[in-house]
Amino acid sequence: MTRGGLIALVIASLGCAAAQIVWDKRGAPVLDTTLARRGARVTEYTVDGRAVPFPQFDGRTLRRVRLVPGHVRIFDIARQGGEAR
């Protein structure tokens, strides 16, 4: 999905997990993003490769994802009964 400078991608794997990649070219919105399928937990991967749990996830929606212009946010969504990559 793209809207203005906002770009969001969801990449589903054949296994149990999916990845969501979100960024905005120009703005600094705060987003709630809702997934089509429920997940068990979300791990965010920072630009330097660190894995950080994303606590504002209710199984379907990532809440208050704060974007900075040009900065990519990467979320790994573990599906119910599955592991994150």
Protein backbone atom coordinates (compact mmCIF):
# COMPACT_ATOMS: atom_id res chain seq x y z
CA MET A 1 0.00 0.00 0.00
CA THR A 2 1.20 3.50 -0.74
CA ARG A 3 -0.50 6.75 0.19
CA GLY A 4 1.33 10.05 -0.20
CA GLY A 5 4.77 9.23 1.14
CA LEU A 6 3.60 6.24 3.22
CA ILE A 7 4.61 2.77 2.06
CA ALA A 8 3.53 -0.47 3.75
CA LEU A 9 4.30 -4.03 2.66
CA VAL A 10 3.27 -7.34 4.18
CA ILE A 11 5.29 -10.36 3.12
CA ALA A 12 3.78 -13.71 4.03
CA SER A 13 5.88 -16.85 4.04
CA LEU A 14 4.75 -20.39 3.34
CA GLY A 15 5.62 -21.24 6.94
CA CYS A 16 4.15 -19.76 10.08
CA ALA A 17 5.40 -16.16 9.97
CA ALA A 18 4.99 -12.93 8.03
CA ALA A 19 6.89 -9.66 7.90
CA GLN A 20 5.47 -6.15 7.78
CA ILE A 21 7.66 -3.32 6.50
CA VAL A 22 6.46 0.27 6.97
CA TRP A 23 8.02 3.66 6.24
CA ASP A 24 7.12 7.16 5.16
CA LYS A 25 9.23 9.18 2.75
CA ARG A 26 8.22 12.61 4.03
CA GLY A 27 5.95 12.53 7.07
CA ALA A 28 6.04 11.31 10.65
CA PRO A 29 2.65 9.65 11.19
CA VAL A 30 1.67 7.42 14.09
CA LEU A 31 -0.14 4.37 12.73
CA ASP A 32 -2.24 1.44 13.81
CA THR A 33 -1.77 -1.39 11.30
CA THR A 34 -4.20 -4.30 11.22
CA LEU A 35 -3.23 -7.73 9.90
CA ALA A 36 -5.52 -9.97 7.87
CA ARG A 37 -4.52 -13.01 9.98
CA ARG A 38 -3.99 -13.21 13.72
CA GLY A 39 -0.49 -13.42 15.11
CA ALA A 40 0.95 -14.62 18.40
CA ARG A 41 3.63 -11.96 18.91
CA VAL A 42 5.66 -9.34 17.04
CA THR A 43 9.40 -8.76 16.99
CA GLU A 44 10.79 -5.55 15.52
CA TYR A 45 14.20 -5.60 13.82
CA THR A 46 16.11 -2.34 14.09
CA VAL A 47 18.36 -0.97 11.36
CA ASP A 48 21.41 -2.30 13.23
CA GLY A 49 19.89 -5.81 13.33
CA ARG A 50 18.76 -5.98 16.96
CA ALA A 51 15.56 -7.95 17.68
CA VAL A 52 13.19 -6.09 20.03
CA PRO A 53 9.75 -7.34 21.17
CA PHE A 54 6.92 -5.01 20.05
CA PRO A 55 4.55 -4.93 23.05
CA GLN A 56 1.70 -2.90 21.54
CA PHE A 57 0.19 -5.86 19.64
CA ASP A 58 -3.17 -7.44 20.45
CA GLY A 59 -2.98 -10.40 18.08
CA ARG A 60 -4.38 -8.48 15.11
CA THR A 61 -3.27 -4.82 15.32
CA LEU A 62 0.11 -3.17 15.86
CA ARG A 63 -0.75 0.00 17.77
CA ARG A 64 0.98 3.37 17.73
CA VAL A 65 3.71 2.59 15.21
CA ARG A 66 5.61 5.90 15.17
CA LEU A 67 7.37 6.66 11.88
CA VAL A 68 10.26 9.02 11.18
CA PRO A 69 10.71 10.32 7.59
CA GLY A 70 12.82 7.88 5.58
CA HIS A 71 13.30 5.42 8.47
CA VAL A 72 12.17 1.84 7.78
CA ARG A 73 10.37 -0.17 10.51
CA ILE A 74 10.47 -3.98 10.11
CA PHE A 75 8.15 -6.25 12.09
CA ASP A 76 8.28 -10.06 12.17
CA ILE A 77 4.88 -11.52 13.05
CA ALA A 78 4.84 -15.01 14.57
CA ARG A 79 1.61 -16.80 13.72
CA GLN A 80 -0.45 -18.72 16.25
CA GLY A 81 1.42 -21.96 16.95
CA GLY A 82 4.46 -20.79 14.98
CA GLU A 83 7.78 -19.17 15.55
CA ALA A 84 9.09 -15.85 14.28
CA ARG A 85 11.84 -16.20 11.72
